[in-house]
């Protein structure tokens, strides 16, 4: 299985794609369930936090350090981008 491989590239890919998927899911489901959407800032940050369980799974459970480093690197970059984009409103 590809997810059982310890690779920095796999970590970079997963770290990049998981927040995007969760952001899109939030964007579709939340307005349908509660009738209105949250701010883009909140949804972006919440989607970014979904990398934490993934990071923990790869570092603690599977002991795949390279994959965890890739996920952590992308999460850090996403965080810096989020702060830069929202610097006037946070």
PDB file of N, CA and C in Angstrom:
ATOM      1  N   UNK A   1       0.842  -1.183   0.000  1.00  0.00           N
ATOM      2  CA  UNK A   1       0.000   0.000   0.000  1.00  0.00           C
ATOM      3  C   UNK A   1       0.883   1.240   0.000  1.00  0.00           C
ATOM      4  N   UNK A   2       0.534   2.228  -0.779  1.00  0.00           N
ATOM      5  CA  UNK A   2       1.345   3.435  -0.927  1.00  0.00           C
ATOM      6  C   UNK A   2       1.392   4.255   0.367  1.00  0.00           C
ATOM      7  N   UNK A   3       0.365   4.196   1.183  1.00  0.00           N
ATOM      8  CA  UNK A   3       0.322   5.005   2.398  1.00  0.00           C
ATOM      9  C   UNK A   3       1.206   4.438   3.500  1.00  0.00           C
ATOM     10  N   UNK A   4       1.714   3.236   3.323  1.00  0.00           N
ATOM     11  CA  UNK A   4       2.574   2.615   4.317  1.00  0.00           C
ATOM     12  C   UNK A   4       4.049   2.846   3.997  1.00  0.00           C
ATOM     13  N   UNK A   5       4.337   3.692   3.033  1.00  0.00           N
ATOM     14  CA  UNK A   5       5.696   3.978   2.596  1.00  0.00           C
ATOM     15  C   UNK A   5       6.212   5.230   3.312  1.00  0.00           C
ATOM     16  N   UNK A   6       7.442   5.180   3.780  1.00  0.00           N
ATOM     17  CA  UNK A   6       8.042   6.333   4.449  1.00  0.00           C
ATOM     18  C   UNK A   6       8.764   7.178   3.412  1.00  0.00           C
ATOM     19  N   UNK A   7       8.117   8.235   2.975  1.00  0.00           N
ATOM     20  CA  UNK A   7       8.668   9.077   1.922  1.00  0.00           C
ATOM     21  C   UNK A   7       8.308  10.530   2.193  1.00  0.00           C
ATOM     22  N   UNK A   8       9.281  11.401   2.044  1.00  0.00           N
ATOM     23  CA  UNK A   8       9.018  12.829   2.233  1.00  0.00           C
ATOM     24  C   UNK A   8       8.054  13.346   1.170  1.00  0.00           C
ATOM     25  N   UNK A   9       8.154  12.803  -0.040  1.00  0.00           N
ATOM     26  CA  UNK A   9       7.253  13.238  -1.108  1.00  0.00           C
ATOM     27  C   UNK A   9       5.806  12.867  -0.803  1.00  0.00           C
ATOM     28  N   UNK A  10       5.602  11.693  -0.208  1.00  0.00           N
ATOM     29  CA  UNK A  10       4.254  11.307   0.212  1.00  0.00           C
ATOM     30  C   UNK A  10       3.751  12.271   1.281  1.00  0.00           C
ATOM     31  N   UNK A  11       4.608  12.642   2.205  1.00  0.00           N
ATOM     32  CA  UNK A  11       4.231  13.602   3.241  1.00  0.00           C
ATOM     33  C   UNK A  11       3.888  14.961   2.662  1.00  0.00           C
ATOM     34  N   UNK A  12       4.677  15.418   1.695  1.00  0.00           N
ATOM     35  CA  UNK A  12       4.387  16.695   1.044  1.00  0.00           C
ATOM     36  C   UNK A  12       3.050  16.639   0.319  1.00  0.00           C
ATOM     37  N   UNK A  13       2.808  15.543  -0.383  1.00  0.00           N
ATOM     38  CA  UNK A  13       1.549  15.389  -1.113  1.00  0.00           C
ATOM     39  C   UNK A  13       0.359  15.358  -0.158  1.00  0.00           C
ATOM     40  N   UNK A  14       0.433  14.514   0.872  1.00  0.00           N
ATOM     41  CA  UNK A  14      -0.676  14.413   1.827  1.00  0.00           C
ATOM     42  C   UNK A  14      -0.882  15.721   2.578  1.00  0.00           C
ATOM     43  N   UNK A  15       0.202  16.351   2.980  1.00  0.00           N
ATOM     44  CA  UNK A  15       0.105  17.622   3.689  1.00  0.00           C
ATOM     45  C   UNK A  15      -0.512  18.715   2.843  1.00  0.00           C
ATOM     46  N   UNK A  16      -0.319  18.638   1.540  1.00  0.00           N
ATOM     47  CA  UNK A  16      -0.898  19.626   0.637  1.00  0.00           C
ATOM     48  C   UNK A  16      -2.366  19.325   0.340  1.00  0.00           C
ATOM     49  N   UNK A  17      -2.705  18.076   0.081  1.00  0.00           N
ATOM     50  CA  UNK A  17      -4.036  17.734  -0.438  1.00  0.00           C
ATOM     51  C   UNK A  17      -5.101  17.623   0.658  1.00  0.00           C
ATOM     52  N   UNK A  18      -4.755  17.157   1.846  1.00  0.00           N
ATOM     53  CA  UNK A  18      -5.747  16.959   2.911  1.00  0.00           C
ATOM     54  C   UNK A  18      -6.432  18.269   3.311  1.00  0.00           C
ATOM     55  N   UNK A  19      -5.710  19.373   3.556  1.00  0.00           N
ATOM     56  CA  UNK A  19      -6.413  20.625   3.878  1.00  0.00           C
ATOM     57  C   UNK A  19      -7.300  21.125   2.736  1.00  0.00           C
ATOM     58  N   UNK A  20      -6.869  20.924   1.507  1.00  0.00           N
ATOM     59  CA  UNK A  20      -7.681  21.348   0.361  1.00  0.00           C
ATOM     60  C   UNK A  20      -8.986  20.564   0.323  1.00  0.00           C
ATOM     61  N   UNK A  21      -8.904  19.256   0.521  1.00  0.00           N
ATOM     62  CA  UNK A  21     -10.106  18.414   0.521  1.00  0.00           C
ATOM     63  C   UNK A  21     -11.044  18.824   1.652  1.00  0.00           C
ATOM     64  N   UNK A  22     -10.511  19.006   2.860  1.00  0.00           N
ATOM     65  CA  UNK A  22     -11.369  19.382   3.982  1.00  0.00           C
ATOM     66  C   UNK A  22     -11.954  20.780   3.822  1.00  0.00           C
ATOM     67  N   UNK A  23     -11.218  21.685   3.202  1.00  0.00           N
ATOM     68  CA  UNK A  23     -11.773  23.014   2.934  1.00  0.00           C
ATOM     69  C   UNK A  23     -12.961  22.907   1.978  1.00  0.00           C
ATOM     70  N   UNK A  24     -12.816  22.120   0.922  1.00  0.00           N
ATOM     71  CA  UNK A  24     -13.909  21.955  -0.039  1.00  0.00           C
ATOM     72  C   UNK A  24     -15.115  21.265   0.594  1.00  0.00           C
ATOM     73  N   UNK A  25     -14.854  20.277   1.440  1.00  0.00           N
ATOM     74  CA  UNK A  25     -15.954  19.604   2.144  1.00  0.00           C
ATOM     75  C   UNK A  25     -16.683  20.591   3.051  1.00  0.00           C
ATOM     76  N   UNK A  26     -15.929  21.398   3.795  1.00  0.00           N
ATOM     77  CA  UNK A  26     -16.545  22.421   4.652  1.00  0.00           C
ATOM     78  C   UNK A  26     -17.375  23.397   3.840  1.00  0.00           C
ATOM     79  N   UNK A  27     -16.828  23.804   2.712  1.00  0.00           N
ATOM     80  CA  UNK A  27     -17.494  24.793   1.872  1.00  0.00           C
ATOM     81  C   UNK A  27     -18.817  24.269   1.323  1.00  0.00           C
ATOM     82  N   UNK A  28     -18.921  22.956   1.127  1.00  0.00           N
ATOM     83  CA  UNK A  28     -20.159  22.375   0.610  1.00  0.00           C
ATOM     84  C   UNK A  28     -21.141  22.005   1.718  1.00  0.00           C
ATOM     85  N   UNK A  29     -20.649  21.438   2.815  1.00  0.00           N
ATOM     86  CA  UNK A  29     -21.532  20.857   3.825  1.00  0.00           C
ATOM     87  C   UNK A  29     -22.025  21.878   4.850  1.00  0.00           C
ATOM     88  N   UNK A  30     -21.168  22.743   5.356  1.00  0.00           N
ATOM     89  CA  UNK A  30     -21.555  23.655   6.440  1.00  0.00           C
ATOM     90  C   UNK A  30     -22.717  24.567   6.058  1.00  0.00           C
ATOM     91  N   UNK A  31     -22.709  25.208   4.886  1.00  0.00           N
ATOM     92  CA  UNK A  31     -23.876  26.036   4.541  1.00  0.00           C
ATOM     93  C   UNK A  31     -25.163  25.218   4.421  1.00  0.00           C
ATOM     94  N   UNK A  32     -25.043  23.985   3.989  1.00  0.00           N
ATOM     95  CA  UNK A  32     -26.219  23.125   3.863  1.00  0.00           C
ATOM     96  C   UNK A  32     -26.771  22.747   5.234  1.00  0.00           C
ATOM     97  N   UNK A  33     -25.905  22.480   6.193  1.00  0.00           N
ATOM     98  CA  UNK A  33     -26.323  22.015   7.512  1.00  0.00           C
ATOM     99  C   UNK A  33     -26.814  23.158   8.395  1.00  0.00           C
ATOM    100  N   UNK A  34     -26.056  24.263   8.482  1.00  0.00           N
ATOM    101  CA  UNK A  34     -26.437  25.332   9.408  1.00  0.00           C
ATOM    102  C   UNK A  34     -27.037  26.553   8.728  1.00  0.00           C
ATOM    103  N   UNK A  35     -27.069  26.569   7.414  1.00  0.00           N
ATOM    104  CA  UNK A  35     -27.745  27.653   6.709  1.00  0.00           C
ATOM    105  C   UNK A  35     -26.869  28.817   6.309  1.00  0.00           C
ATOM    106  N   UNK A  36     -25.682  28.937   6.880  1.00  0.00           N
ATOM    107  CA  UNK A  36     -24.750  29.998   6.485  1.00  0.00           C
ATOM    108  C   UNK A  36     -23.335  29.458   6.604  1.00  0.00           C
ATOM    109  N   UNK A  37     -22.411  30.159   6.008  1.00  0.00           N
ATOM    110  CA  UNK A  37     -21.024  29.721   6.001  1.00  0.00           C
ATOM    111  C   UNK A  37     -20.211  30.515   7.019  1.00  0.00           C
ATOM    112  N   UNK A  38     -19.115  29.945   7.451  1.00  0.00           N
ATOM    113  CA  UNK A  38     -18.180  30.663   8.306  1.00  0.00           C
ATOM    114  C   UNK A  38     -17.295  31.541   7.433  1.00  0.00           C
ATOM    115  N   UNK A  39     -16.506  32.391   8.045  1.00  0.00           N
ATOM    116  CA  UNK A  39     -15.583  33.229   7.276  1.00  0.00           C
ATOM    117  C   UNK A  39     -14.511  32.350   6.626  1.00  0.00           C
ATOM    118  N   UNK A  40     -13.958  32.848   5.540  1.00  0.00           N
ATOM    119  CA  UNK A  40     -12.906  32.101   4.852  1.00  0.00           C
ATOM    120  C   UNK A  40     -11.698  31.880   5.753  1.00  0.00           C
ATOM    121  N   UNK A  41     -11.381  32.864   6.597  1.00  0.00           N
ATOM    122  CA  UNK A  41     -10.257  32.716   7.528  1.00  0.00           C
ATOM    123  C   UNK A  41     -10.448  31.504   8.432  1.00  0.00           C
ATOM    124  N   UNK A  42     -11.624  31.397   9.008  1.00  0.00           N
ATOM    125  CA  UNK A  42     -11.906  30.298   9.927  1.00  0.00           C
ATOM    126  C   UNK A  42     -11.879  28.959   9.211  1.00  0.00           C
ATOM    127  N   UNK A  43     -12.467  28.916   8.036  1.00  0.00           N
ATOM    128  CA  UNK A  43     -12.504  27.658   7.295  1.00  0.00           C
ATOM    129  C   UNK A  43     -11.105  27.235   6.849  1.00  0.00           C
ATOM    130  N   UNK A  44     -10.275  28.180   6.445  1.00  0.00           N
ATOM    131  CA  UNK A  44      -8.905  27.855   6.042  1.00  0.00           C
ATOM    132  C   UNK A  44      -8.105  27.319   7.221  1.00  0.00           C
ATOM    133  N   UNK A  45      -8.223  27.966   8.357  1.00  0.00           N
ATOM    134  CA  UNK A  45      -7.480  27.539   9.537  1.00  0.00           C
ATOM    135  C   UNK A  45      -7.966  26.182  10.036  1.00  0.00           C
ATOM    136  N   UNK A  46      -9.273  25.965  10.025  1.00  0.00           N
ATOM    137  CA  UNK A  46      -9.822  24.683  10.449  1.00  0.00           C
ATOM    138  C   UNK A  46      -9.365  23.568   9.513  1.00  0.00           C
ATOM    139  N   UNK A  47      -9.325  23.839   8.210  1.00  0.00           N
ATOM    140  CA  UNK A  47      -8.849  22.836   7.256  1.00  0.00           C
ATOM    141  C   UNK A  47      -7.373  22.524   7.492  1.00  0.00           C
ATOM    142  N   UNK A  48      -6.605  23.524   7.853  1.00  0.00           N
ATOM    143  CA  UNK A  48      -5.177  23.332   8.110  1.00  0.00           C
ATOM    144  C   UNK A  48      -4.949  22.454   9.337  1.00  0.00           C
ATOM    145  N   UNK A  49      -5.810  22.568  10.322  1.00  0.00           N
ATOM    146  CA  UNK A  49      -5.663  21.790  11.551  1.00  0.00           C
ATOM    147  C   UNK A  49      -5.887  20.298  11.307  1.00  0.00           C
ATOM    148  N   UNK A  50      -6.542  19.944  10.211  1.00  0.00           N
ATOM    149  CA  UNK A  50      -6.751  18.530   9.907  1.00  0.00           C
ATOM    150  C   UNK A  50      -5.447  17.812   9.571  1.00  0.00           C
ATOM    151  N   UNK A  51      -4.365  18.529   9.382  1.00  0.00           N
ATOM    152  CA  UNK A  51      -3.069  17.879   9.191  1.00  0.00           C
ATOM    153  C   UNK A  51      -2.521  17.319  10.500  1.00  0.00           C
ATOM    154  N   UNK A  52      -2.969  17.820  11.639  1.00  0.00           N
ATOM    155  CA  UNK A  52      -2.440  17.378  12.935  1.00  0.00           C
ATOM    156  C   UNK A  52      -2.695  15.889  13.203  1.00  0.00           C
ATOM    157  N   UNK A  53      -3.930  15.376  13.034  1.00  0.00           N
ATOM    158  CA  UNK A  53      -4.121  13.940  13.250  1.00  0.00           C
ATOM    159  C   UNK A  53      -3.343  13.089  12.247  1.00  0.00           C
ATOM    160  N   UNK A  54      -3.238  13.586  11.017  1.00  0.00           N
ATOM    161  CA  UNK A  54      -2.473  12.867  10.002  1.00  0.00           C
ATOM    162  C   UNK A  54      -0.991  12.822  10.384  1.00  0.00           C
ATOM    163  N   UNK A  55      -0.472  13.943  10.849  1.00  0.00           N
ATOM    164  CA  UNK A  55       0.920  14.015  11.291  1.00  0.00           C
ATOM    165  C   UNK A  55       1.161  13.065  12.462  1.00  0.00           C
ATOM    166  N   UNK A  56       0.271  13.085  13.415  1.00  0.00           N
ATOM    167  CA  UNK A  56       0.410  12.203  14.574  1.00  0.00           C
ATOM    168  C   UNK A  56       0.372  10.739  14.161  1.00  0.00           C
ATOM    169  N   UNK A  57      -0.535  10.383  13.254  1.00  0.00           N
ATOM    170  CA  UNK A  57      -0.656   9.001  12.794  1.00  0.00           C
ATOM    171  C   UNK A  57       0.650   8.522  12.161  1.00  0.00           C
ATOM    172  N   UNK A  58       1.226   9.335  11.287  1.00  0.00           N
ATOM    173  CA  UNK A  58       2.449   8.909  10.607  1.00  0.00           C
ATOM    174  C   UNK A  58       3.663   8.918  11.531  1.00  0.00           C
ATOM    175  N   UNK A  59       3.745   9.849  12.459  1.00  0.00           N
ATOM    176  CA  UNK A  59       4.908   9.894  13.348  1.00  0.00           C
ATOM    177  C   UNK A  59       4.822   8.886  14.491  1.00  0.00           C
ATOM    178  N   UNK A  60       3.680   8.795  15.143  1.00  0.00           N
ATOM    179  CA  UNK A  60       3.547   7.963  16.343  1.00  0.00           C
ATOM    180  C   UNK A  60       3.190   6.521  15.998  1.00  0.00           C
ATOM    181  N   UNK A  61       2.130   6.332  15.217  1.00  0.00           N
ATOM    182  CA  UNK A  61       1.652   4.975  14.961  1.00  0.00           C
ATOM    183  C   UNK A  61       2.522   4.214  13.967  1.00  0.00           C
ATOM    184  N   UNK A  62       2.858   4.844  12.843  1.00  0.00           N
ATOM    185  CA  UNK A  62       3.616   4.143  11.804  1.00  0.00           C
ATOM    186  C   UNK A  62       5.125   4.329  11.924  1.00  0.00           C
ATOM    187  N   UNK A  63       5.573   5.297  12.716  1.00  0.00           N
ATOM    188  CA  UNK A  63       7.002   5.604  12.881  1.00  0.00           C
ATOM    189  C   UNK A  63       7.659   5.984  11.551  1.00  0.00           C
ATOM    190  N   UNK A  64       6.918   6.697  10.716  1.00  0.00           N
ATOM    191  CA  UNK A  64       7.440   7.155   9.423  1.00  0.00           C
ATOM    192  C   UNK A  64       7.858   8.615   9.556  1.00  0.00           C
ATOM    193  N   UNK A  65       9.104   8.800   9.895  1.00  0.00           N
ATOM    194  CA  UNK A  65       9.606  10.133  10.202  1.00  0.00           C
ATOM    195  C   UNK A  65       9.688  11.028   8.963  1.00  0.00           C
ATOM    196  N   UNK A  66      10.103  10.485   7.837  1.00  0.00           N
ATOM    197  CA  UNK A  66      10.222  11.300   6.618  1.00  0.00           C
ATOM    198  C   UNK A  66       8.859  11.798   6.153  1.00  0.00           C
ATOM    199  N   UNK A  67       7.864  10.935   6.204  1.00  0.00           N
ATOM    200  CA  UNK A  67       6.514  11.345   5.817  1.00  0.00           C
ATOM    201  C   UNK A  67       5.999  12.413   6.773  1.00  0.00           C
ATOM    202  N   UNK A  68       6.233  12.234   8.057  1.00  0.00           N
ATOM    203  CA  UNK A  68       5.819  13.225   9.045  1.00  0.00           C
ATOM    204  C   UNK A  68       6.494  14.565   8.837  1.00  0.00           C
ATOM    205  N   UNK A  69       7.769  14.543   8.479  1.00  0.00           N
ATOM    206  CA  UNK A  69       8.481  15.795   8.209  1.00  0.00           C
ATOM    207  C   UNK A  69       7.892  16.512   6.999  1.00  0.00           C
ATOM    208  N   UNK A  70       7.506  15.747   5.974  1.00  0.00           N
ATOM    209  CA  UNK A  70       6.883  16.351   4.798  1.00  0.00           C
ATOM    210  C   UNK A  70       5.562  17.008   5.143  1.00  0.00           C
ATOM    211  N   UNK A  71       4.744  16.327   5.944  1.00  0.00           N
ATOM    212  CA  UNK A  71       3.454  16.879   6.366  1.00  0.00           C
ATOM    213  C   UNK A  71       3.676  18.136   7.206  1.00  0.00           C
ATOM    214  N   UNK A  72       4.627  18.079   8.126  1.00  0.00           N
ATOM    215  CA  UNK A  72       4.912  19.228   8.989  1.00  0.00           C
ATOM    216  C   UNK A  72       5.415  20.420   8.179  1.00  0.00           C
ATOM    217  N   UNK A  73       6.259  20.176   7.190  1.00  0.00           N
ATOM    218  CA  UNK A  73       6.787  21.248   6.353  1.00  0.00           C
ATOM    219  C   UNK A  73       5.667  21.960   5.605  1.00  0.00           C
ATOM    220  N   UNK A  74       4.783  21.188   4.971  1.00  0.00           N
ATOM    221  CA  UNK A  74       3.680  21.797   4.219  1.00  0.00           C
ATOM    222  C   UNK A  74       2.736  22.529   5.162  1.00  0.00           C
ATOM    223  N   UNK A  75       2.479  21.974   6.340  1.00  0.00           N
ATOM    224  CA  UNK A  75       1.615  22.632   7.315  1.00  0.00           C
ATOM    225  C   UNK A  75       2.216  23.969   7.740  1.00  0.00           C
ATOM    226  N   UNK A  76       3.509  24.007   7.952  1.00  0.00           N
ATOM    227  CA  UNK A  76       4.193  25.247   8.323  1.00  0.00           C
ATOM    228  C   UNK A  76       4.082  26.278   7.197  1.00  0.00           C
ATOM    229  N   UNK A  77       4.290  25.853   5.964  1.00  0.00           N
ATOM    230  CA  UNK A  77       4.186  26.758   4.814  1.00  0.00           C
ATOM    231  C   UNK A  77       2.760  27.280   4.682  1.00  0.00           C
ATOM    232  N   UNK A  78       1.771  26.381   4.802  1.00  0.00           N
ATOM    233  CA  UNK A  78       0.366  26.810   4.770  1.00  0.00           C
ATOM    234  C   UNK A  78       0.091  27.837   5.870  1.00  0.00           C
ATOM    235  N   UNK A  79       0.629  27.602   7.060  1.00  0.00           N
ATOM    236  CA  UNK A  79       0.429  28.538   8.167  1.00  0.00           C
ATOM    237  C   UNK A  79       1.016  29.908   7.872  1.00  0.00           C
ATOM    238  N   UNK A  80       2.207  29.939   7.318  1.00  0.00           N
ATOM    239  CA  UNK A  80       2.818  31.219   6.949  1.00  0.00           C
ATOM    240  C   UNK A  80       2.006  31.939   5.879  1.00  0.00           C
ATOM    241  N   UNK A  81       1.527  31.191   4.899  1.00  0.00           N
ATOM    242  CA  UNK A  81       0.697  31.788   3.844  1.00  0.00           C
ATOM    243  C   UNK A  81      -0.592  32.335   4.444  1.00  0.00           C
ATOM    244  N   UNK A  82      -1.196  31.591   5.375  1.00  0.00           N
ATOM    245  CA  UNK A  82      -2.441  32.034   6.006  1.00  0.00           C
ATOM    246  C   UNK A  82      -2.215  33.342   6.765  1.00  0.00           C
ATOM    247  N   UNK A  83      -1.119  33.422   7.516  1.00  0.00           N
ATOM    248  CA  UNK A  83      -0.817  34.648   8.263  1.00  0.00           C
ATOM    249  C   UNK A  83      -0.572  35.805   7.306  1.00  0.00           C
ATOM    250  N   UNK A  84       0.152  35.570   6.228  1.00  0.00           N
ATOM    251  CA  UNK A  84       0.440  36.633   5.259  1.00  0.00           C
ATOM    252  C   UNK A  84      -0.840  37.144   4.598  1.00  0.00           C
ATOM    253  N   UNK A  85      -1.712  36.236   4.185  1.00  0.00           N
ATOM    254  CA  UNK A  85      -2.960  36.627   3.518  1.00  0.00           C
ATOM    255  C   UNK A  85      -3.878  37.383   4.468  1.00  0.00           C
ATOM    256  N   UNK A  86      -3.937  36.966   5.717  1.00  0.00           N
ATOM    257  CA  UNK A  86      -4.881  37.536   6.677  1.00  0.00           C
ATOM    258  C   UNK A  86      -4.224  38.505   7.653  1.00  0.00           C
ATOM    259  N   UNK A  87      -3.089  39.064   7.322  1.00  0.00           N
ATOM    260  CA  UNK A  87      -2.346  39.887   8.270  1.00  0.00           C
ATOM    261  C   UNK A  87      -3.077  41.152   8.700  1.00  0.00           C
ATOM    262  N   UNK A  88      -3.923  41.708   7.875  1.00  0.00           N
ATOM    263  CA  UNK A  88      -4.626  42.921   8.258  1.00  0.00           C
ATOM    264  C   UNK A  88      -5.892  42.677   9.045  1.00  0.00           C
ATOM    265  N   UNK A  89      -6.349  41.422   9.086  1.00  0.00           N
ATOM    266  CA  UNK A  89      -7.649  41.168   9.705  1.00  0.00           C
ATOM    267  C   UNK A  89      -7.590  40.213  10.890  1.00  0.00           C
ATOM    268  N   UNK A  90      -6.400  39.836  11.344  1.00  0.00           N
ATOM    269  CA  UNK A  90      -6.334  38.952  12.512  1.00  0.00           C
ATOM    270  C   UNK A  90      -5.892  39.725  13.729  1.00  0.00           C
TER     271      UNK A  90
END
